[in-house]
């Protein structure tokens, strides 16, 4: 029996449509992926889709955010979500489109997150 296809590399990238904003980069399977079929948590899928919905909401403004700070927050959120996706799919190489660092996320250190019970700095 043939093993089901599993991507080796995915890219978190916002899209104008409401599907999961994660893309397979394999030339034979290029396109958006169904994250649920890969075992990604419902919570992360919902947050990725909410992040993508925020991008879609800028469509009537030529994809301009309300301010540079709003755009920077959106980009930072996308990177944090990409790191979470990398943690949930350790066998898949995850990259993030809206980032100046082209290295896959597992080749660099993720964003700092204080434990829930520690004081915020």
PDB file of N, CA and C in Angstrom:
ATOM      1  N   UNK A   1       0.832  -1.177   0.000  1.00  0.00           N
ATOM      2  CA  UNK A   1       0.000   0.000   0.000  1.00  0.00           C
ATOM      3  C   UNK A   1       0.882   1.248   0.000  1.00  0.00           C
ATOM      4  N   UNK A   2       0.538   2.197  -0.812  1.00  0.00           N
ATOM      5  CA  UNK A   2       1.318   3.417  -0.945  1.00  0.00           C
ATOM      6  C   UNK A   2       1.051   4.372   0.228  1.00  0.00           C
ATOM      7  N   UNK A   3       2.131   4.949   0.755  1.00  0.00           N
ATOM      8  CA  UNK A   3       2.017   5.927   1.834  1.00  0.00           C
ATOM      9  C   UNK A   3       1.327   7.185   1.314  1.00  0.00           C
ATOM     10  N   UNK A   4       0.477   7.820   2.133  1.00  0.00           N
ATOM     11  CA  UNK A   4      -0.125   9.075   1.695  1.00  0.00           C
ATOM     12  C   UNK A   4       0.956  10.152   1.574  1.00  0.00           C
ATOM     13  N   UNK A   5       0.758  11.067   0.654  1.00  0.00           N
ATOM     14  CA  UNK A   5       1.717  12.146   0.434  1.00  0.00           C
ATOM     15  C   UNK A   5       1.834  13.008   1.688  1.00  0.00           C
ATOM     16  N   UNK A   6       3.039  13.346   2.056  1.00  0.00           N
ATOM     17  CA  UNK A   6       3.298  14.275   3.159  1.00  0.00           C
ATOM     18  C   UNK A   6       4.336  15.266   2.657  1.00  0.00           C
ATOM     19  N   UNK A   7       4.043  16.549   2.732  1.00  0.00           N
ATOM     20  CA  UNK A   7       4.988  17.544   2.223  1.00  0.00           C
ATOM     21  C   UNK A   7       6.275  17.562   3.048  1.00  0.00           C
ATOM     22  N   UNK A   8       7.363  17.969   2.409  1.00  0.00           N
ATOM     23  CA  UNK A   8       8.630  18.109   3.112  1.00  0.00           C
ATOM     24  C   UNK A   8       8.920  19.575   3.436  1.00  0.00           C
ATOM     25  N   UNK A   9       8.272  20.494   2.713  1.00  0.00           N
ATOM     26  CA  UNK A   9       8.488  21.924   2.937  1.00  0.00           C
ATOM     27  C   UNK A   9       7.196  22.690   2.685  1.00  0.00           C
ATOM     28  N   UNK A  10       6.852  23.559   3.641  1.00  0.00           N
ATOM     29  CA  UNK A  10       5.656  24.400   3.522  1.00  0.00           C
ATOM     30  C   UNK A  10       6.037  25.848   3.771  1.00  0.00           C
ATOM     31  N   UNK A  11       5.244  26.758   3.211  1.00  0.00           N
ATOM     32  CA  UNK A  11       5.475  28.191   3.366  1.00  0.00           C
ATOM     33  C   UNK A  11       4.201  28.845   3.873  1.00  0.00           C
ATOM     34  N   UNK A  12       4.309  29.581   4.975  1.00  0.00           N
ATOM     35  CA  UNK A  12       3.187  30.362   5.491  1.00  0.00           C
ATOM     36  C   UNK A  12       3.149  31.647   4.674  1.00  0.00           C
ATOM     37  N   UNK A  13       2.017  31.847   3.983  1.00  0.00           N
ATOM     38  CA  UNK A  13       1.886  32.993   3.091  1.00  0.00           C
ATOM     39  C   UNK A  13       0.409  33.344   2.949  1.00  0.00           C
ATOM     40  N   UNK A  14       0.068  34.598   3.239  1.00  0.00           N
ATOM     41  CA  UNK A  14      -1.323  35.048   3.134  1.00  0.00           C
ATOM     42  C   UNK A  14      -1.794  34.952   1.689  1.00  0.00           C
ATOM     43  N   UNK A  15      -3.103  34.770   1.546  1.00  0.00           N
ATOM     44  CA  UNK A  15      -3.705  34.626   0.221  1.00  0.00           C
ATOM     45  C   UNK A  15      -5.048  35.327   0.211  1.00  0.00           C
ATOM     46  N   UNK A  16      -5.507  35.682  -0.974  1.00  0.00           N
ATOM     47  CA  UNK A  16      -6.764  36.407  -1.159  1.00  0.00           C
ATOM     48  C   UNK A  16      -7.995  35.528  -0.955  1.00  0.00           C
ATOM     49  N   UNK A  17      -7.814  34.242  -0.853  1.00  0.00           N
ATOM     50  CA  UNK A  17      -8.940  33.327  -0.652  1.00  0.00           C
ATOM     51  C   UNK A  17      -8.951  32.865   0.800  1.00  0.00           C
ATOM     52  N   UNK A  18     -10.049  32.295   1.236  1.00  0.00           N
ATOM     53  CA  UNK A  18     -10.215  31.948   2.633  1.00  0.00           C
ATOM     54  C   UNK A  18      -9.735  30.579   3.035  1.00  0.00           C
ATOM     55  N   UNK A  19      -8.869  29.943   2.266  1.00  0.00           N
ATOM     56  CA  UNK A  19      -8.354  28.629   2.640  1.00  0.00           C
ATOM     57  C   UNK A  19      -7.125  28.785   3.529  1.00  0.00           C
ATOM     58  N   UNK A  20      -6.657  27.666   4.095  1.00  0.00           N
ATOM     59  CA  UNK A  20      -5.480  27.706   4.958  1.00  0.00           C
ATOM     60  C   UNK A  20      -4.332  28.416   4.234  1.00  0.00           C
ATOM     61  N   UNK A  21      -3.724  29.443   4.855  1.00  0.00           N
ATOM     62  CA  UNK A  21      -2.684  30.228   4.202  1.00  0.00           C
ATOM     63  C   UNK A  21      -1.296  29.593   4.277  1.00  0.00           C
ATOM     64  N   UNK A  22      -1.236  28.309   3.942  1.00  0.00           N
ATOM     65  CA  UNK A  22       0.019  27.574   3.964  1.00  0.00           C
ATOM     66  C   UNK A  22       0.129  26.841   2.635  1.00  0.00           C
ATOM     67  N   UNK A  23       1.305  26.934   2.040  1.00  0.00           N
ATOM     68  CA  UNK A  23       1.525  26.448   0.680  1.00  0.00           C
ATOM     69  C   UNK A  23       2.594  25.369   0.645  1.00  0.00           C
ATOM     70  N   UNK A  24       2.352  24.348  -0.161  1.00  0.00           N
ATOM     71  CA  UNK A  24       3.333  23.305  -0.436  1.00  0.00           C
ATOM     72  C   UNK A  24       4.238  23.826  -1.542  1.00  0.00           C
ATOM     73  N   UNK A  25       5.543  23.657  -1.378  1.00  0.00           N
ATOM     74  CA  UNK A  25       6.474  24.156  -2.392  1.00  0.00           C
ATOM     75  C   UNK A  25       7.010  23.067  -3.307  1.00  0.00           C
ATOM     76  N   UNK A  26       6.535  21.849  -3.139  1.00  0.00           N
ATOM     77  CA  UNK A  26       6.941  20.764  -4.034  1.00  0.00           C
ATOM     78  C   UNK A  26       6.340  21.008  -5.416  1.00  0.00           C
ATOM     79  N   UNK A  27       7.160  21.019  -6.481  1.00  0.00           N
ATOM     80  CA  UNK A  27       6.631  21.293  -7.821  1.00  0.00           C
ATOM     81  C   UNK A  27       5.492  20.362  -8.247  1.00  0.00           C
ATOM     82  N   UNK A  28       5.476  19.132  -7.733  1.00  0.00           N
ATOM     83  CA  UNK A  28       4.411  18.192  -8.093  1.00  0.00           C
ATOM     84  C   UNK A  28       3.147  18.362  -7.252  1.00  0.00           C
ATOM     85  N   UNK A  29       3.223  19.141  -6.195  1.00  0.00           N
ATOM     86  CA  UNK A  29       2.077  19.328  -5.298  1.00  0.00           C
ATOM     87  C   UNK A  29       1.875  20.794  -4.931  1.00  0.00           C
ATOM     88  N   UNK A  30       2.412  21.706  -5.712  1.00  0.00           N
ATOM     89  CA  UNK A  30       2.381  23.121  -5.382  1.00  0.00           C
ATOM     90  C   UNK A  30       0.952  23.607  -5.195  1.00  0.00           C
ATOM     91  N   UNK A  31       0.748  24.395  -4.159  1.00  0.00           N
ATOM     92  CA  UNK A  31      -0.557  24.955  -3.871  1.00  0.00           C
ATOM     93  C   UNK A  31      -0.847  24.914  -2.391  1.00  0.00           C
ATOM     94  N   UNK A  32      -2.016  25.399  -2.033  1.00  0.00           N
ATOM     95  CA  UNK A  32      -2.405  25.420  -0.629  1.00  0.00           C
ATOM     96  C   UNK A  32      -2.604  24.007  -0.112  1.00  0.00           C
ATOM     97  N   UNK A  33      -2.366  23.841   1.184  1.00  0.00           N
ATOM     98  CA  UNK A  33      -2.503  22.529   1.810  1.00  0.00           C
ATOM     99  C   UNK A  33      -3.627  22.545   2.827  1.00  0.00           C
ATOM    100  N   UNK A  34      -4.153  21.368   3.093  1.00  0.00           N
ATOM    101  CA  UNK A  34      -5.167  21.180   4.128  1.00  0.00           C
ATOM    102  C   UNK A  34      -4.425  20.816   5.411  1.00  0.00           C
ATOM    103  N   UNK A  35      -4.324  21.781   6.316  1.00  0.00           N
ATOM    104  CA  UNK A  35      -3.537  21.582   7.525  1.00  0.00           C
ATOM    105  C   UNK A  35      -4.118  20.507   8.443  1.00  0.00           C
ATOM    106  N   UNK A  36      -5.431  20.381   8.484  1.00  0.00           N
ATOM    107  CA  UNK A  36      -6.053  19.370   9.337  1.00  0.00           C
ATOM    108  C   UNK A  36      -5.586  17.971   8.947  1.00  0.00           C
ATOM    109  N   UNK A  37      -5.422  17.739   7.657  1.00  0.00           N
ATOM    110  CA  UNK A  37      -4.993  16.412   7.200  1.00  0.00           C
ATOM    111  C   UNK A  37      -3.557  16.109   7.596  1.00  0.00           C
ATOM    112  N   UNK A  38      -2.789  17.142   7.970  1.00  0.00           N
ATOM    113  CA  UNK A  38      -1.407  16.944   8.403  1.00  0.00           C
ATOM    114  C   UNK A  38      -1.297  16.824   9.920  1.00  0.00           C
ATOM    115  N   UNK A  39      -2.433  16.954  10.627  1.00  0.00           N
ATOM    116  CA  UNK A  39      -2.439  16.818  12.075  1.00  0.00           C
ATOM    117  C   UNK A  39      -2.215  18.120  12.829  1.00  0.00           C
ATOM    118  N   UNK A  40      -2.357  19.259  12.158  1.00  0.00           N
ATOM    119  CA  UNK A  40      -2.199  20.552  12.826  1.00  0.00           C
ATOM    120  C   UNK A  40      -3.427  20.798  13.700  1.00  0.00           C
ATOM    121  N   UNK A  41      -3.208  21.382  14.878  1.00  0.00           N
ATOM    122  CA  UNK A  41      -4.304  21.598  15.818  1.00  0.00           C
ATOM    123  C   UNK A  41      -5.358  22.547  15.257  1.00  0.00           C
ATOM    124  N   UNK A  42      -6.598  22.328  15.662  1.00  0.00           N
ATOM    125  CA  UNK A  42      -7.696  23.204  15.229  1.00  0.00           C
ATOM    126  C   UNK A  42      -7.459  24.639  15.664  1.00  0.00           C
ATOM    127  N   UNK A  43      -6.879  24.816  16.857  1.00  0.00           N
ATOM    128  CA  UNK A  43      -6.609  26.163  17.361  1.00  0.00           C
ATOM    129  C   UNK A  43      -5.638  26.906  16.449  1.00  0.00           C
ATOM    130  N   UNK A  44      -4.544  26.264  16.069  1.00  0.00           N
ATOM    131  CA  UNK A  44      -3.559  26.920  15.203  1.00  0.00           C
ATOM    132  C   UNK A  44      -4.153  27.191  13.823  1.00  0.00           C
ATOM    133  N   UNK A  45      -4.927  26.250  13.302  1.00  0.00           N
ATOM    134  CA  UNK A  45      -5.570  26.467  12.002  1.00  0.00           C
ATOM    135  C   UNK A  45      -6.486  27.681  12.075  1.00  0.00           C
ATOM    136  N   UNK A  46      -7.262  27.795  13.144  1.00  0.00           N
ATOM    137  CA  UNK A  46      -8.176  28.935  13.297  1.00  0.00           C
ATOM    138  C   UNK A  46      -7.400  30.245  13.376  1.00  0.00           C
ATOM    139  N   UNK A  47      -6.290  30.264  14.103  1.00  0.00           N
ATOM    140  CA  UNK A  47      -5.506  31.496  14.219  1.00  0.00           C
ATOM    141  C   UNK A  47      -4.810  31.850  12.911  1.00  0.00           C
ATOM    142  N   UNK A  48      -4.345  30.843  12.165  1.00  0.00           N
ATOM    143  CA  UNK A  48      -3.766  31.112  10.842  1.00  0.00           C
ATOM    144  C   UNK A  48      -4.827  31.704   9.908  1.00  0.00           C
ATOM    145  N   UNK A  49      -6.033  31.150   9.966  1.00  0.00           N
ATOM    146  CA  UNK A  49      -7.097  31.654   9.094  1.00  0.00           C
ATOM    147  C   UNK A  49      -7.548  33.053   9.512  1.00  0.00           C
ATOM    148  N   UNK A  50      -7.555  33.350  10.810  1.00  0.00           N
ATOM    149  CA  UNK A  50      -7.889  34.705  11.281  1.00  0.00           C
ATOM    150  C   UNK A  50      -6.815  35.688  10.814  1.00  0.00           C
ATOM    151  N   UNK A  51      -5.570  35.274  10.863  1.00  0.00           N
ATOM    152  CA  UNK A  51      -4.458  36.097  10.367  1.00  0.00           C
ATOM    153  C   UNK A  51      -4.637  36.368   8.875  1.00  0.00           C
ATOM    154  N   UNK A  52      -4.996  35.331   8.131  1.00  0.00           N
ATOM    155  CA  UNK A  52      -5.225  35.492   6.696  1.00  0.00           C
ATOM    156  C   UNK A  52      -6.448  36.376   6.433  1.00  0.00           C
ATOM    157  N   UNK A  53      -7.492  36.224   7.239  1.00  0.00           N
ATOM    158  CA  UNK A  53      -8.691  37.065   7.085  1.00  0.00           C
ATOM    159  C   UNK A  53      -8.349  38.540   7.255  1.00  0.00           C
ATOM    160  N   UNK A  54      -7.421  38.827   8.159  1.00  0.00           N
ATOM    161  CA  UNK A  54      -7.002  40.219   8.339  1.00  0.00           C
ATOM    162  C   UNK A  54      -6.366  40.747   7.053  1.00  0.00           C
ATOM    163  N   UNK A  55      -5.581  39.911   6.387  1.00  0.00           N
ATOM    164  CA  UNK A  55      -4.991  40.302   5.104  1.00  0.00           C
ATOM    165  C   UNK A  55      -6.082  40.504   4.055  1.00  0.00           C
ATOM    166  N   UNK A  56      -7.027  39.569   3.986  1.00  0.00           N
ATOM    167  CA  UNK A  56      -8.122  39.674   3.015  1.00  0.00           C
ATOM    168  C   UNK A  56      -8.906  40.966   3.228  1.00  0.00           C
ATOM    169  N   UNK A  57      -9.054  41.383   4.487  1.00  0.00           N
ATOM    170  CA  UNK A  57      -9.831  42.596   4.775  1.00  0.00           C
ATOM    171  C   UNK A  57      -9.169  43.856   4.225  1.00  0.00           C
ATOM    172  N   UNK A  58      -7.904  43.780   3.848  1.00  0.00           N
ATOM    173  CA  UNK A  58      -7.225  44.942   3.269  1.00  0.00           C
ATOM    174  C   UNK A  58      -7.431  45.041   1.760  1.00  0.00           C
ATOM    175  N   UNK A  59      -8.169  44.104   1.180  1.00  0.00           N
ATOM    176  CA  UNK A  59      -8.334  44.060  -0.277  1.00  0.00           C
ATOM    177  C   UNK A  59      -8.916  45.350  -0.847  1.00  0.00           C
ATOM    178  N   UNK A  60      -9.833  45.969  -0.137  1.00  0.00           N
ATOM    179  CA  UNK A  60     -10.453  47.194  -0.656  1.00  0.00           C
ATOM    180  C   UNK A  60      -9.553  48.414  -0.504  1.00  0.00           C
ATOM    181  N   UNK A  61      -8.398  48.243   0.122  1.00  0.00           N
ATOM    182  CA  UNK A  61      -7.451  49.345   0.302  1.00  0.00           C
ATOM    183  C   UNK A  61      -6.156  49.089  -0.469  1.00  0.00           C
ATOM    184  N   UNK A  62      -6.243  48.310  -1.557  1.00  0.00           N
ATOM    185  CA  UNK A  62      -5.050  47.921  -2.318  1.00  0.00           C
ATOM    186  C   UNK A  62      -4.017  47.237  -1.423  1.00  0.00           C
ATOM    187  N   UNK A  63      -4.521  46.477  -0.453  1.00  0.00           N
ATOM    188  CA  UNK A  63      -3.702  45.701   0.478  1.00  0.00           C
ATOM    189  C   UNK A  63      -2.763  46.592   1.291  1.00  0.00           C
ATOM    190  N   UNK A  64      -3.269  47.762   1.650  1.00  0.00           N
ATOM    191  CA  UNK A  64      -2.563  48.671   2.556  1.00  0.00           C
ATOM    192  C   UNK A  64      -3.174  48.515   3.941  1.00  0.00           C
ATOM    193  N   UNK A  65      -2.340  48.407   4.945  1.00  0.00           N
ATOM    194  CA  UNK A  65      -2.822  48.331   6.317  1.00  0.00           C
ATOM    195  C   UNK A  65      -3.138  49.733   6.820  1.00  0.00           C
ATOM    196  N   UNK A  66      -3.856  49.815   7.920  1.00  0.00           N
ATOM    197  CA  UNK A  66      -4.284  51.111   8.451  1.00  0.00           C
ATOM    198  C   UNK A  66      -3.117  51.966   8.920  1.00  0.00           C
ATOM    199  N   UNK A  67      -1.993  51.329   9.269  1.00  0.00           N
ATOM    200  CA  UNK A  67      -0.811  52.065   9.700  1.00  0.00           C
ATOM    201  C   UNK A  67       0.405  51.151   9.566  1.00  0.00           C
ATOM    202  N   UNK A  68       1.600  51.740   9.561  1.00  0.00           N
ATOM    203  CA  UNK A  68       2.797  50.893   9.552  1.00  0.00           C
ATOM    204  C   UNK A  68       2.861  49.972  10.768  1.00  0.00           C
ATOM    205  N   UNK A  69       2.397  50.461  11.927  1.00  0.00           N
ATOM    206  CA  UNK A  69       2.395  49.623  13.131  1.00  0.00           C
ATOM    207  C   UNK A  69       1.460  48.425  12.972  1.00  0.00           C
ATOM    208  N   UNK A  70       0.300  48.647  12.362  1.00  0.00           N
ATOM    209  CA  UNK A  70      -0.649  47.551  12.135  1.00  0.00           C
ATOM    210  C   UNK A  70      -0.046  46.511  11.202  1.00  0.00           C
ATOM    211  N   UNK A  71       0.644  46.970  10.176  1.00  0.00           N
ATOM    212  CA  UNK A  71       1.274  46.027   9.247  1.00  0.00           C
ATOM    213  C   UNK A  71       2.395  45.256   9.927  1.00  0.00           C
ATOM    214  N   UNK A  72       3.209  45.933  10.719  1.00  0.00           N
ATOM    215  CA  UNK A  72       4.299  45.267  11.429  1.00  0.00           C
ATOM    216  C   UNK A  72       3.745  44.237  12.413  1.00  0.00           C
ATOM    217  N   UNK A  73       2.670  44.566  13.130  1.00  0.00           N
ATOM    218  CA  UNK A  73       2.041  43.620  14.055  1.00  0.00           C
ATOM    219  C   UNK A  73       1.556  42.398  13.302  1.00  0.00           C
ATOM    220  N   UNK A  74       0.924  42.629  12.128  1.00  0.00           N
ATOM    221  CA  UNK A  74       0.416  41.534  11.309  1.00  0.00           C
ATOM    222  C   UNK A  74       1.563  40.632  10.845  1.00  0.00           C
ATOM    223  N   UNK A  75       2.646  41.222  10.376  1.00  0.00           N
ATOM    224  CA  UNK A  75       3.811  40.438   9.921  1.00  0.00           C
ATOM    225  C   UNK A  75       4.408  39.633  11.078  1.00  0.00           C
ATOM    226  N   UNK A  76       4.542  40.264  12.239  1.00  0.00           N
ATOM    227  CA  UNK A  76       5.099  39.588  13.409  1.00  0.00           C
ATOM    228  C   UNK A  76       4.198  38.427  13.837  1.00  0.00           C
ATOM    229  N   UNK A  77       2.889  38.630  13.815  1.00  0.00           N
ATOM    230  CA  UNK A  77       1.951  37.564  14.160  1.00  0.00           C
ATOM    231  C   UNK A  77       2.109  36.388  13.208  1.00  0.00           C
ATOM    232  N   UNK A  78       2.246  36.672  11.920  1.00  0.00           N
ATOM    233  CA  UNK A  78       2.444  35.608  10.936  1.00  0.00           C
ATOM    234  C   UNK A  78       3.695  34.801  11.213  1.00  0.00           C
ATOM    235  N   UNK A  79       4.768  35.476  11.582  1.00  0.00           N
ATOM    236  CA  UNK A  79       6.015  34.774  11.892  1.00  0.00           C
ATOM    237  C   UNK A  79       5.837  33.906  13.132  1.00  0.00           C
ATOM    238  N   UNK A  80       5.167  34.416  14.149  1.00  0.00           N
ATOM    239  CA  UNK A  80       4.919  33.620  15.358  1.00  0.00           C
ATOM    240  C   UNK A  80       4.074  32.386  15.033  1.00  0.00           C
ATOM    241  N   UNK A  81       3.067  32.558  14.171  1.00  0.00           N
ATOM    242  CA  UNK A  81       2.246  31.421  13.766  1.00  0.00           C
ATOM    243  C   UNK A  81       3.068  30.404  12.979  1.00  0.00           C
ATOM    244  N   UNK A  82       3.975  30.890  12.156  1.00  0.00           N
ATOM    245  CA  UNK A  82       4.840  29.985  11.389  1.00  0.00           C
ATOM    246  C   UNK A  82       5.726  29.169  12.324  1.00  0.00           C
ATOM    247  N   UNK A  83       6.261  29.806  13.375  1.00  0.00           N
ATOM    248  CA  UNK A  83       7.052  29.062  14.364  1.00  0.00           C
ATOM    249  C   UNK A  83       6.196  28.001  15.057  1.00  0.00           C
ATOM    250  N   UNK A  84       4.962  28.344  15.392  1.00  0.00           N
ATOM    251  CA  UNK A  84       4.072  27.362  16.016  1.00  0.00           C
ATOM    252  C   UNK A  84       3.811  26.192  15.067  1.00  0.00           C
ATOM    253  N   UNK A  85       3.639  26.503  13.794  1.00  0.00           N
ATOM    254  CA  UNK A  85       3.432  25.441  12.808  1.00  0.00           C
ATOM    255  C   UNK A  85       4.666  24.550  12.729  1.00  0.00           C
ATOM    256  N   UNK A  86       5.853  25.151  12.767  1.00  0.00           N
ATOM    257  CA  UNK A  86       7.083  24.357  12.759  1.00  0.00           C
ATOM    258  C   UNK A  86       7.132  23.431  13.965  1.00  0.00           C
ATOM    259  N   UNK A  87       6.703  23.923  15.132  1.00  0.00           N
ATOM    260  CA  UNK A  87       6.695  23.083  16.336  1.00  0.00           C
ATOM    261  C   UNK A  87       5.717  21.926  16.213  1.00  0.00           C
ATOM    262  N   UNK A  88       4.592  22.149  15.531  1.00  0.00           N
ATOM    263  CA  UNK A  88       3.606  21.078  15.377  1.00  0.00           C
ATOM    264  C   UNK A  88       3.966  20.108  14.255  1.00  0.00           C
ATOM    265  N   UNK A  89       4.775  20.554  13.308  1.00  0.00           N
ATOM    266  CA  UNK A  89       5.190  19.696  12.193  1.00  0.00           C
ATOM    267  C   UNK A  89       6.718  19.655  12.135  1.00  0.00           C
ATOM    268  N   UNK A  90       7.366  19.046  13.132  1.00  0.00           N
ATOM    269  CA  UNK A  90       8.833  19.087  13.183  1.00  0.00           C
ATOM    270  C   UNK A  90       9.521  18.394  12.014  1.00  0.00           C
ATOM    271  N   UNK A  91       8.814  17.499  11.320  1.00  0.00           N
ATOM    272  CA  UNK A  91       9.410  16.789  10.192  1.00  0.00           C
ATOM    273  C   UNK A  91       9.254  17.541   8.870  1.00  0.00           C
ATOM    274  N   UNK A  92       8.606  18.698   8.899  1.00  0.00           N
ATOM    275  CA  UNK A  92       8.369  19.487   7.689  1.00  0.00           C
ATOM    276  C   UNK A  92       9.120  20.804   7.831  1.00  0.00           C
ATOM    277  N   UNK A  93       9.808  21.212   6.772  1.00  0.00           N
ATOM    278  CA  UNK A  93      10.539  22.479   6.783  1.00  0.00           C
ATOM    279  C   UNK A  93       9.562  23.627   6.535  1.00  0.00           C
ATOM    280  N   UNK A  94       9.432  24.531   7.506  1.00  0.00           N
ATOM    281  CA  UNK A  94       8.487  25.645   7.417  1.00  0.00           C
ATOM    282  C   UNK A  94       9.265  26.929   7.137  1.00  0.00           C
ATOM    283  N   UNK A  95       8.752  27.738   6.214  1.00  0.00           N
ATOM    284  CA  UNK A  95       9.308  29.067   5.969  1.00  0.00           C
ATOM    285  C   UNK A  95       8.157  30.070   6.009  1.00  0.00           C
ATOM    286  N   UNK A  96       8.527  31.344   6.055  1.00  0.00           N
ATOM    287  CA  UNK A  96       7.541  32.415   6.174  1.00  0.00           C
ATOM    288  C   UNK A  96       7.791  33.440   5.080  1.00  0.00           C
ATOM    289  N   UNK A  97       6.769  33.726   4.284  1.00  0.00           N
ATOM    290  CA  UNK A  97       6.899  34.593   3.123  1.00  0.00           C
ATOM    291  C   UNK A  97       7.250  36.031   3.490  1.00  0.00           C
ATOM    292  N   UNK A  98       6.600  36.601   4.481  1.00  0.00           N
ATOM    293  CA  UNK A  98       6.785  38.013   4.839  1.00  0.00           C
ATOM    294  C   UNK A  98       7.934  38.184   5.825  1.00  0.00           C
ATOM    295  N   UNK A  99       9.100  37.730   5.438  1.00  0.00           N
ATOM    296  CA  UNK A  99      10.250  37.738   6.321  1.00  0.00           C
ATOM    297  C   UNK A  99      11.492  38.027   5.489  1.00  0.00           C
ATOM    298  N   UNK A 100      12.424  38.767   6.032  1.00  0.00           N
ATOM    299  CA  UNK A 100      13.651  39.081   5.312  1.00  0.00           C
ATOM    300  C   UNK A 100      14.686  37.968   5.411  1.00  0.00           C
ATOM    301  N   UNK A 101      14.491  37.038   6.330  1.00  0.00           N
ATOM    302  CA  UNK A 101      15.418  35.933   6.522  1.00  0.00           C
ATOM    303  C   UNK A 101      14.882  34.732   5.739  1.00  0.00           C
ATOM    304  N   UNK A 102      15.600  34.323   4.700  1.00  0.00           N
ATOM    305  CA  UNK A 102      15.140  33.240   3.823  1.00  0.00           C
ATOM    306  C   UNK A 102      15.356  31.843   4.405  1.00  0.00           C
ATOM    307  N   UNK A 103      16.060  31.740   5.525  1.00  0.00           N
ATOM    308  CA  UNK A 103      16.311  30.417   6.089  1.00  0.00           C
ATOM    309  C   UNK A 103      15.017  29.804   6.619  1.00  0.00           C
ATOM    310  N   UNK A 104      14.878  28.490   6.493  1.00  0.00           N
ATOM    311  CA  UNK A 104      13.723  27.831   7.125  1.00  0.00           C
ATOM    312  C   UNK A 104      13.739  28.093   8.625  1.00  0.00           C
ATOM    313  N   UNK A 105      12.572  28.081   9.236  1.00  0.00           N
ATOM    314  CA  UNK A 105      12.456  28.445  10.644  1.00  0.00           C
ATOM    315  C   UNK A 105      13.233  27.524  11.570  1.00  0.00           C
ATOM    316  N   UNK A 106      13.350  26.245  11.229  1.00  0.00           N
ATOM    317  CA  UNK A 106      14.063  25.342  12.139  1.00  0.00           C
ATOM    318  C   UNK A 106      15.564  25.610  12.156  1.00  0.00           C
ATOM    319  N   UNK A 107      16.048  26.439  11.218  1.00  0.00           N
ATOM    320  CA  UNK A 107      17.465  26.786  11.195  1.00  0.00           C
ATOM    321  C   UNK A 107      17.772  28.048  11.990  1.00  0.00           C
ATOM    322  N   UNK A 108      16.793  28.607  12.644  1.00  0.00           N
ATOM    323  CA  UNK A 108      17.013  29.809  13.445  1.00  0.00           C
ATOM    324  C   UNK A 108      16.193  29.760  14.719  1.00  0.00           C
ATOM    325  N   UNK A 109      16.489  30.634  15.607  1.00  0.00           N
ATOM    326  CA  UNK A 109      15.829  30.645  16.909  1.00  0.00           C
ATOM    327  C   UNK A 109      14.472  31.333  16.796  1.00  0.00           C
ATOM    328  N   UNK A 110      13.486  30.776  17.436  1.00  0.00           N
ATOM    329  CA  UNK A 110      12.139  31.332  17.404  1.00  0.00           C
ATOM    330  C   UNK A 110      11.976  32.524  18.328  1.00  0.00           C
ATOM    331  N   UNK A 111      10.823  33.179  18.257  1.00  0.00           N
ATOM    332  CA  UNK A 111      10.576  34.338  19.112  1.00  0.00           C
ATOM    333  C   UNK A 111      10.473  33.924  20.573  1.00  0.00           C
ATOM    334  N   UNK A 112      10.940  34.781  21.464  1.00  0.00           N
ATOM    335  CA  UNK A 112      10.894  34.500  22.892  1.00  0.00           C
ATOM    336  C   UNK A 112       9.462  34.577  23.387  1.00  0.00           C
ATOM    337  N   UNK A 113       9.068  33.613  24.169  1.00  0.00           N
ATOM    338  CA  UNK A 113       7.760  33.609  24.829  1.00  0.00           C
ATOM    339  C   UNK A 113       7.983  33.272  26.285  1.00  0.00           C
ATOM    340  N   UNK A 114       7.608  34.197  27.169  1.00  0.00           N
ATOM    341  CA  UNK A 114       7.715  33.930  28.599  1.00  0.00           C
ATOM    342  C   UNK A 114       6.694  32.886  28.986  1.00  0.00           C
ATOM    343  N   UNK A 115       7.029  31.997  29.944  1.00  0.00           N
ATOM    344  CA  UNK A 115       6.029  31.034  30.420  1.00  0.00           C
ATOM    345  C   UNK A 115       4.805  31.777  30.951  1.00  0.00           C
ATOM    346  N   UNK A 116       3.649  31.125  30.868  1.00  0.00           N
ATOM    347  CA  UNK A 116       2.388  31.751  31.271  1.00  0.00           C
ATOM    348  C   UNK A 116       2.400  32.252  32.715  1.00  0.00           C
ATOM    349  N   UNK A 117       3.145  31.586  33.601  1.00  0.00           N
ATOM    350  CA  UNK A 117       3.107  31.965  35.010  1.00  0.00           C
ATOM    351  C   UNK A 117       4.231  32.933  35.410  1.00  0.00           C
ATOM    352  N   UNK A 118       5.047  33.364  34.449  1.00  0.00           N
ATOM    353  CA  UNK A 118       6.115  34.290  34.791  1.00  0.00           C
ATOM    354  C   UNK A 118       5.688  35.727  34.517  1.00  0.00           C
ATOM    355  N   UNK A 119       6.262  36.680  35.238  1.00  0.00           N
ATOM    356  CA  UNK A 119       5.887  38.095  35.012  1.00  0.00           C
ATOM    357  C   UNK A 119       6.378  38.570  33.655  1.00  0.00           C
ATOM    358  N   UNK A 120       5.601  39.456  33.057  1.00  0.00           N
ATOM    359  CA  UNK A 120       5.990  40.039  31.763  1.00  0.00           C
ATOM    360  C   UNK A 120       7.066  41.080  31.995  1.00  0.00           C
ATOM    361  N   UNK A 121       8.039  41.111  31.127  1.00  0.00           N
ATOM    362  CA  UNK A 121       9.128  42.100  31.219  1.00  0.00           C
ATOM    363  C   UNK A 121       8.798  43.319  30.406  1.00  0.00           C
TER     364      UNK A 121
END
